[in-house]
All heavy atoms as atom14 arrays in JSON, in Angstrom:
{
  "sequence": "LTVLADSVGIIAGWFAAVRWIGVDSEFFWLSLR",
  "atom14_mask": [
    [1, 1, 1, 1, 1, 1, 1, 1, 0, 0, 0, 0, 0, 0],
    [1, 1, 1, 1, 1, 1, 1, 0, 0, 0, 0, 0, 0, 0],
    [1, 1, 1, 1, 1, 1, 1, 0, 0, 0, 0, 0, 0, 0],
    [1, 1, 1, 1, 1, 1, 1, 1, 0, 0, 0, 0, 0, 0],
    [1, 1, 1, 1, 1, 0, 0, 0, 0, 0, 0, 0, 0, 0],
    [1, 1, 1, 1, 1, 1, 1, 1, 0, 0, 0, 0, 0, 0],
    [1, 1, 1, 1, 1, 1, 0, 0, 0, 0, 0, 0, 0, 0],
    [1, 1, 1, 1, 1, 1, 1, 0, 0, 0, 0, 0, 0, 0],
    [1, 1, 1, 1, 0, 0, 0, 0, 0, 0, 0, 0, 0, 0],
    [1, 1, 1, 1, 1, 1, 1, 1, 0, 0, 0, 0, 0, 0],
    [1, 1, 1, 1, 1, 1, 1, 1, 0, 0, 0, 0, 0, 0],
    [1, 1, 1, 1, 1, 0, 0, 0, 0, 0, 0, 0, 0, 0],
    [1, 1, 1, 1, 0, 0, 0, 0, 0, 0, 0, 0, 0, 0],
    [1, 1, 1, 1, 1, 1, 1, 1, 1, 1, 1, 1, 1, 1],
    [1, 1, 1, 1, 1, 1, 1, 1, 1, 1, 1, 0, 0, 0],
    [1, 1, 1, 1, 1, 0, 0, 0, 0, 0, 0, 0, 0, 0],
    [1, 1, 1, 1, 1, 0, 0, 0, 0, 0, 0, 0, 0, 0],
    [1, 1, 1, 1, 1, 1, 1, 0, 0, 0, 0, 0, 0, 0],
    [1, 1, 1, 1, 1, 1, 1, 1, 1, 1, 1, 0, 0, 0],
    [1, 1, 1, 1, 1, 1, 1, 1, 1, 1, 1, 1, 1, 1],
    [1, 1, 1, 1, 1, 1, 1, 1, 0, 0, 0, 0, 0, 0],
    [1, 1, 1, 1, 0, 0, 0, 0, 0, 0, 0, 0, 0, 0],
    [1, 1, 1, 1, 1, 1, 1, 0, 0, 0, 0, 0, 0, 0],
    [1, 1, 1, 1, 1, 1, 1, 1, 0, 0, 0, 0, 0, 0],
    [1, 1, 1, 1, 1, 1, 0, 0, 0, 0, 0, 0, 0, 0],
    [1, 1, 1, 1, 1, 1, 1, 1, 1, 0, 0, 0, 0, 0],
    [1, 1, 1, 1, 1, 1, 1, 1, 1, 1, 1, 0, 0, 0],
    [1, 1, 1, 1, 1, 1, 1, 1, 1, 1, 1, 0, 0, 0],
    [1, 1, 1, 1, 1, 1, 1, 1, 1, 1, 1, 1, 1, 1],
    [1, 1, 1, 1, 1, 1, 1, 1, 0, 0, 0, 0, 0, 0],
    [1, 1, 1, 1, 1, 1, 0, 0, 0, 0, 0, 0, 0, 0],
    [1, 1, 1, 1, 1, 1, 1, 1, 0, 0, 0, 0, 0, 0],
    [1, 1, 1, 1, 1, 1, 1, 1, 1, 1, 1, 0, 0, 0]
  ],
  "atom14_positions": [
    [[32.29, 44.95, -1.9], [30.96, 44.34, -2.37], [31.07, 42.79, -2.31], [30.07, 42.18, -1.86], [30.77, 44.77, -3.87], [30.18, 46.23, -4.02], [30.05, 46.47, -5.47], [28.87, 46.34, -3.34], [0.0, 0.0, 0.0], [0.0, 0.0, 0.0], [0.0, 0.0, 0.0], [0.0, 0.0, 0.0], [0.0, 0.0, 0.0], [0.0, 0.0, 0.0]],
    [[32.21, 42.28, -2.68], [32.36, 40.81, -2.66], [32.28, 40.29, -1.17], [31.69, 39.17, -0.9], [33.66, 40.37, -3.36], [33.64, 40.89, -4.69], [33.81, 38.86, -3.33], [0.0, 0.0, 0.0], [0.0, 0.0, 0.0], [0.0, 0.0, 0.0], [0.0, 0.0, 0.0], [0.0, 0.0, 0.0], [0.0, 0.0, 0.0], [0.0, 0.0, 0.0]],
    [[32.97, 41.0, -0.27], [32.9, 40.46, 1.11], [31.55, 40.55, 1.67], [31.07, 39.6, 2.36], [33.91, 41.42, 1.97], [33.66, 41.17, 3.46], [35.33, 41.15, 1.55], [0.0, 0.0, 0.0], [0.0, 0.0, 0.0], [0.0, 0.0, 0.0], [0.0, 0.0, 0.0], [0.0, 0.0, 0.0], [0.0, 0.0, 0.0], [0.0, 0.0, 0.0]],
    [[30.78, 41.59, 1.38], [29.4, 41.71, 1.77], [28.57, 40.59, 1.12], [27.74, 39.92, 1.82], [28.84, 43.04, 1.53], [29.38, 44.16, 2.33], [28.84, 45.5, 1.91], [28.91, 43.98, 3.84], [0.0, 0.0, 0.0], [0.0, 0.0, 0.0], [0.0, 0.0, 0.0], [0.0, 0.0, 0.0], [0.0, 0.0, 0.0], [0.0, 0.0, 0.0]],
    [[28.82, 40.33, -0.17], [28.06, 39.35, -0.84], [28.39, 37.95, -0.31], [27.46, 37.14, -0.12], [28.44, 39.35, -2.38], [0.0, 0.0, 0.0], [0.0, 0.0, 0.0], [0.0, 0.0, 0.0], [0.0, 0.0, 0.0], [0.0, 0.0, 0.0], [0.0, 0.0, 0.0], [0.0, 0.0, 0.0], [0.0, 0.0, 0.0], [0.0, 0.0, 0.0]],
    [[29.58, 37.67, 0.03], [30.0, 36.37, 0.64], [29.27, 36.19, 1.99], [28.68, 35.12, 2.24], [31.44, 36.34, 0.85], [32.28, 36.24, -0.44], [31.65, 35.93, -1.44], [33.46, 36.45, -0.45], [0.0, 0.0, 0.0], [0.0, 0.0, 0.0], [0.0, 0.0, 0.0], [0.0, 0.0, 0.0], [0.0, 0.0, 0.0], [0.0, 0.0, 0.0]],
    [[29.27, 37.27, 2.79], [28.68, 37.18, 4.13], [27.18, 36.84, 4.05], [26.66, 35.97, 4.64], [28.96, 38.43, 4.93], [30.34, 38.75, 5.03], [0.0, 0.0, 0.0], [0.0, 0.0, 0.0], [0.0, 0.0, 0.0], [0.0, 0.0, 0.0], [0.0, 0.0, 0.0], [0.0, 0.0, 0.0], [0.0, 0.0, 0.0], [0.0, 0.0, 0.0]],
    [[26.52, 37.71, 3.2], [25.07, 37.52, 3.08], [24.7, 36.16, 2.34], [23.72, 35.49, 2.74], [24.47, 38.69, 2.28], [23.01, 38.4, 1.97], [24.66, 39.99, 3.01], [0.0, 0.0, 0.0], [0.0, 0.0, 0.0], [0.0, 0.0, 0.0], [0.0, 0.0, 0.0], [0.0, 0.0, 0.0], [0.0, 0.0, 0.0], [0.0, 0.0, 0.0]],
    [[25.55, 35.77, 1.41], [25.35, 34.46, 0.79], [25.46, 33.31, 1.71], [24.68, 32.41, 1.64], [0.0, 0.0, 0.0], [0.0, 0.0, 0.0], [0.0, 0.0, 0.0], [0.0, 0.0, 0.0], [0.0, 0.0, 0.0], [0.0, 0.0, 0.0], [0.0, 0.0, 0.0], [0.0, 0.0, 0.0], [0.0, 0.0, 0.0], [0.0, 0.0, 0.0]],
    [[26.45, 33.35, 2.65], [26.63, 32.24, 3.62], [25.36, 32.15, 4.57], [24.88, 31.09, 4.82], [27.94, 32.46, 4.38], [29.11, 32.13, 3.43], [27.92, 31.52, 5.6], [30.43, 32.47, 4.11], [0.0, 0.0, 0.0], [0.0, 0.0, 0.0], [0.0, 0.0, 0.0], [0.0, 0.0, 0.0], [0.0, 0.0, 0.0], [0.0, 0.0, 0.0]],
    [[25.01, 33.38, 4.98], [23.81, 33.41, 5.92], [22.55, 32.93, 5.16], [21.77, 32.19, 5.67], [23.51, 34.87, 6.36], [24.64, 35.38, 7.27], [22.22, 34.97, 7.13], [24.61, 36.71, 7.69], [0.0, 0.0, 0.0], [0.0, 0.0, 0.0], [0.0, 0.0, 0.0], [0.0, 0.0, 0.0], [0.0, 0.0, 0.0], [0.0, 0.0, 0.0]],
    [[22.33, 33.28, 3.85], [21.18, 32.84, 3.08], [21.32, 31.29, 2.92], [20.29, 30.56, 3.03], [21.13, 33.49, 1.69], [0.0, 0.0, 0.0], [0.0, 0.0, 0.0], [0.0, 0.0, 0.0], [0.0, 0.0, 0.0], [0.0, 0.0, 0.0], [0.0, 0.0, 0.0], [0.0, 0.0, 0.0], [0.0, 0.0, 0.0], [0.0, 0.0, 0.0]],
    [[22.54, 30.78, 2.63], [22.67, 29.3, 2.51], [22.39, 28.62, 3.8], [21.84, 27.56, 3.78], [0.0, 0.0, 0.0], [0.0, 0.0, 0.0], [0.0, 0.0, 0.0], [0.0, 0.0, 0.0], [0.0, 0.0, 0.0], [0.0, 0.0, 0.0], [0.0, 0.0, 0.0], [0.0, 0.0, 0.0], [0.0, 0.0, 0.0], [0.0, 0.0, 0.0]],
    [[22.85, 29.19, 4.93], [22.61, 28.62, 6.24], [21.07, 28.55, 6.53], [20.51, 27.6, 6.97], [23.24, 29.41, 7.32], [22.65, 29.25, 8.75], [22.99, 28.26, 9.59], [21.76, 30.17, 9.35], [22.24, 28.36, 10.71], [21.5, 29.52, 10.58], [21.12, 31.29, 9.05], [20.62, 30.11, 11.53], [20.33, 31.82, 9.91], [20.02, 31.3, 11.15]],
    [[20.38, 29.62, 6.18], [18.91, 29.68, 6.36], [18.2, 28.56, 5.54], [17.3, 27.89, 6.06], [18.35, 31.07, 5.96], [16.92, 31.23, 6.03], [16.22, 31.39, 7.22], [16.13, 31.06, 4.87], [14.89, 31.52, 7.25], [14.75, 31.21, 4.97], [14.1, 31.36, 6.12], [0.0, 0.0, 0.0], [0.0, 0.0, 0.0], [0.0, 0.0, 0.0]],
    [[18.6, 28.5, 4.29], [17.98, 27.45, 3.46], [18.24, 26.01, 3.96], [17.42, 25.14, 3.94], [18.46, 27.63, 2.02], [0.0, 0.0, 0.0], [0.0, 0.0, 0.0], [0.0, 0.0, 0.0], [0.0, 0.0, 0.0], [0.0, 0.0, 0.0], [0.0, 0.0, 0.0], [0.0, 0.0, 0.0], [0.0, 0.0, 0.0], [0.0, 0.0, 0.0]],
    [[19.5, 25.84, 4.41], [19.91, 24.51, 4.89], [19.13, 24.11, 6.18], [18.71, 22.94, 6.28], [21.43, 24.5, 5.17], [0.0, 0.0, 0.0], [0.0, 0.0, 0.0], [0.0, 0.0, 0.0], [0.0, 0.0, 0.0], [0.0, 0.0, 0.0], [0.0, 0.0, 0.0], [0.0, 0.0, 0.0], [0.0, 0.0, 0.0], [0.0, 0.0, 0.0]],
    [[18.94, 25.1, 7.04], [18.3, 24.76, 8.35], [16.74, 24.76, 8.11], [16.09, 23.85, 8.66], [18.7, 25.88, 9.4], [17.81, 25.65, 10.62], [20.12, 25.79, 9.71], [0.0, 0.0, 0.0], [0.0, 0.0, 0.0], [0.0, 0.0, 0.0], [0.0, 0.0, 0.0], [0.0, 0.0, 0.0], [0.0, 0.0, 0.0], [0.0, 0.0, 0.0]],
    [[16.26, 25.63, 7.34], [14.8, 25.75, 7.13], [14.23, 24.56, 6.28], [13.16, 24.09, 6.58], [14.5, 27.07, 6.51], [12.98, 27.38, 6.27], [12.2, 27.37, 7.54], [10.75, 27.65, 7.29], [9.84, 26.79, 6.87], [10.29, 25.48, 6.8], [8.62, 27.14, 6.74], [0.0, 0.0, 0.0], [0.0, 0.0, 0.0], [0.0, 0.0, 0.0]],
    [[14.9, 24.26, 5.16], [14.32, 23.35, 4.11], [15.01, 21.98, 4.04], [14.41, 21.01, 3.64], [14.25, 23.98, 2.8], [13.39, 25.17, 2.75], [12.04, 25.2, 3.08], [13.66, 26.47, 2.29], [11.58, 26.44, 2.84], [12.44, 27.24, 2.36], [14.87, 27.06, 1.84], [12.54, 28.63, 2.05], [14.81, 28.45, 1.49], [13.65, 29.19, 1.61]],
    [[16.24, 22.0, 4.55], [16.97, 20.73, 4.39], [17.05, 19.97, 5.65], [17.16, 18.77, 5.77], [18.41, 20.94, 3.84], [18.37, 21.77, 2.63], [19.16, 19.66, 3.59], [17.65, 21.14, 1.4], [0.0, 0.0, 0.0], [0.0, 0.0, 0.0], [0.0, 0.0, 0.0], [0.0, 0.0, 0.0], [0.0, 0.0, 0.0], [0.0, 0.0, 0.0]],
    [[16.85, 20.69, 6.74], [16.82, 20.07, 8.16], [18.25, 19.78, 8.7], [18.47, 18.98, 9.54], [0.0, 0.0, 0.0], [0.0, 0.0, 0.0], [0.0, 0.0, 0.0], [0.0, 0.0, 0.0], [0.0, 0.0, 0.0], [0.0, 0.0, 0.0], [0.0, 0.0, 0.0], [0.0, 0.0, 0.0], [0.0, 0.0, 0.0], [0.0, 0.0, 0.0]],
    [[19.2, 20.69, 8.28], [20.53, 20.54, 8.81], [20.52, 21.25, 10.12], [20.02, 22.41, 10.3], [21.57, 21.15, 7.85], [23.01, 21.21, 8.45], [21.56, 20.39, 6.51], [0.0, 0.0, 0.0], [0.0, 0.0, 0.0], [0.0, 0.0, 0.0], [0.0, 0.0, 0.0], [0.0, 0.0, 0.0], [0.0, 0.0, 0.0], [0.0, 0.0, 0.0]],
    [[21.27, 20.78, 11.13], [21.36, 21.34, 12.43], [22.23, 22.64, 12.25], [23.28, 22.63, 11.58], [22.07, 20.43, 13.42], [22.21, 21.07, 14.82], [21.12, 21.04, 15.5], [23.3, 21.41, 15.13], [0.0, 0.0, 0.0], [0.0, 0.0, 0.0], [0.0, 0.0, 0.0], [0.0, 0.0, 0.0], [0.0, 0.0, 0.0], [0.0, 0.0, 0.0]],
    [[21.74, 23.71, 12.8], [22.39, 24.95, 12.75], [23.96, 25.0, 13.17], [24.78, 25.5, 12.53], [21.68, 26.08, 13.46], [22.32, 27.33, 13.39], [0.0, 0.0, 0.0], [0.0, 0.0, 0.0], [0.0, 0.0, 0.0], [0.0, 0.0, 0.0], [0.0, 0.0, 0.0], [0.0, 0.0, 0.0], [0.0, 0.0, 0.0], [0.0, 0.0, 0.0]],
    [[24.1, 24.33, 14.32], [25.46, 24.32, 14.92], [26.39, 23.5, 14.1], [27.57, 23.88, 13.87], [25.4, 23.71, 16.35], [26.77, 23.77, 17.09], [26.65, 23.28, 18.51], [25.58, 23.03, 19.01], [27.67, 23.19, 19.19], [0.0, 0.0, 0.0], [0.0, 0.0, 0.0], [0.0, 0.0, 0.0], [0.0, 0.0, 0.0], [0.0, 0.0, 0.0]],
    [[25.95, 22.34, 13.53], [26.72, 21.57, 12.67], [27.12, 22.28, 11.39], [28.24, 22.05, 10.89], [26.05, 20.22, 12.42], [26.3, 19.15, 13.44], [25.25, 18.71, 14.23], [27.54, 18.64, 13.71], [25.37, 17.77, 15.19], [27.71, 17.69, 14.62], [26.73, 17.24, 15.44], [0.0, 0.0, 0.0], [0.0, 0.0, 0.0], [0.0, 0.0, 0.0]],
    [[26.19, 23.09, 10.91], [26.39, 23.82, 9.65], [27.64, 24.73, 9.89], [28.53, 24.82, 9.01], [25.17, 24.64, 9.28], [25.29, 25.47, 7.97], [25.0, 24.88, 6.79], [25.79, 26.82, 8.05], [25.15, 25.65, 5.62], [25.95, 27.53, 6.93], [25.64, 26.93, 5.71], [0.0, 0.0, 0.0], [0.0, 0.0, 0.0], [0.0, 0.0, 0.0]],
    [[27.59, 25.49, 10.96], [28.66, 26.42, 11.17], [29.97, 25.78, 11.65], [31.08, 26.27, 11.11], [28.26, 27.44, 12.28], [27.14, 28.33, 11.87], [25.91, 28.35, 12.43], [27.17, 29.38, 10.89], [25.13, 29.34, 11.75], [25.96, 30.01, 10.81], [28.14, 29.88, 10.16], [25.6, 30.99, 9.96], [27.89, 30.9, 9.27], [26.62, 31.44, 9.18]],
    [[29.94, 24.65, 12.28], [31.17, 23.93, 12.61], [31.82, 23.34, 11.31], [32.97, 23.36, 11.11], [30.83, 22.73, 13.59], [30.56, 23.16, 14.96], [30.19, 22.03, 15.86], [31.83, 23.84, 15.65], [0.0, 0.0, 0.0], [0.0, 0.0, 0.0], [0.0, 0.0, 0.0], [0.0, 0.0, 0.0], [0.0, 0.0, 0.0], [0.0, 0.0, 0.0]],
    [[30.95, 22.87, 10.45], [31.41, 22.34, 9.19], [32.04, 23.35, 8.32], [33.04, 23.24, 7.66], [30.22, 21.59, 8.4], [30.64, 21.18, 7.17], [0.0, 0.0, 0.0], [0.0, 0.0, 0.0], [0.0, 0.0, 0.0], [0.0, 0.0, 0.0], [0.0, 0.0, 0.0], [0.0, 0.0, 0.0], [0.0, 0.0, 0.0], [0.0, 0.0, 0.0]],
    [[31.34, 24.57, 8.26], [31.84, 25.7, 7.44], [33.26, 26.17, 8.02], [34.15, 26.4, 7.22], [30.91, 26.87, 7.49], [31.12, 28.03, 6.54], [29.82, 28.65, 6.03], [31.85, 29.09, 7.42], [0.0, 0.0, 0.0], [0.0, 0.0, 0.0], [0.0, 0.0, 0.0], [0.0, 0.0, 0.0], [0.0, 0.0, 0.0], [0.0, 0.0, 0.0]],
    [[33.32, 26.27, 9.27], [34.55, 26.84, 9.88], [35.71, 25.81, 9.67], [36.84, 26.22, 9.47], [34.35, 27.14, 11.36], [35.5, 27.75, 12.0], [35.22, 28.16, 13.47], [34.9, 26.98, 14.2], [34.57, 26.97, 15.6], [34.47, 28.14, 16.13], [34.28, 25.86, 16.18], [0.0, 0.0, 0.0], [0.0, 0.0, 0.0], [0.0, 0.0, 0.0]]
  ]
}
């Protein structure tokens, strides 16, 4: 349950960052990794 929650949470955070904050999608994933 936690692994699934982490995965979905990261995707939701990525969506909010790209959609409302204007963060570049590729930079978001590079920074996360």
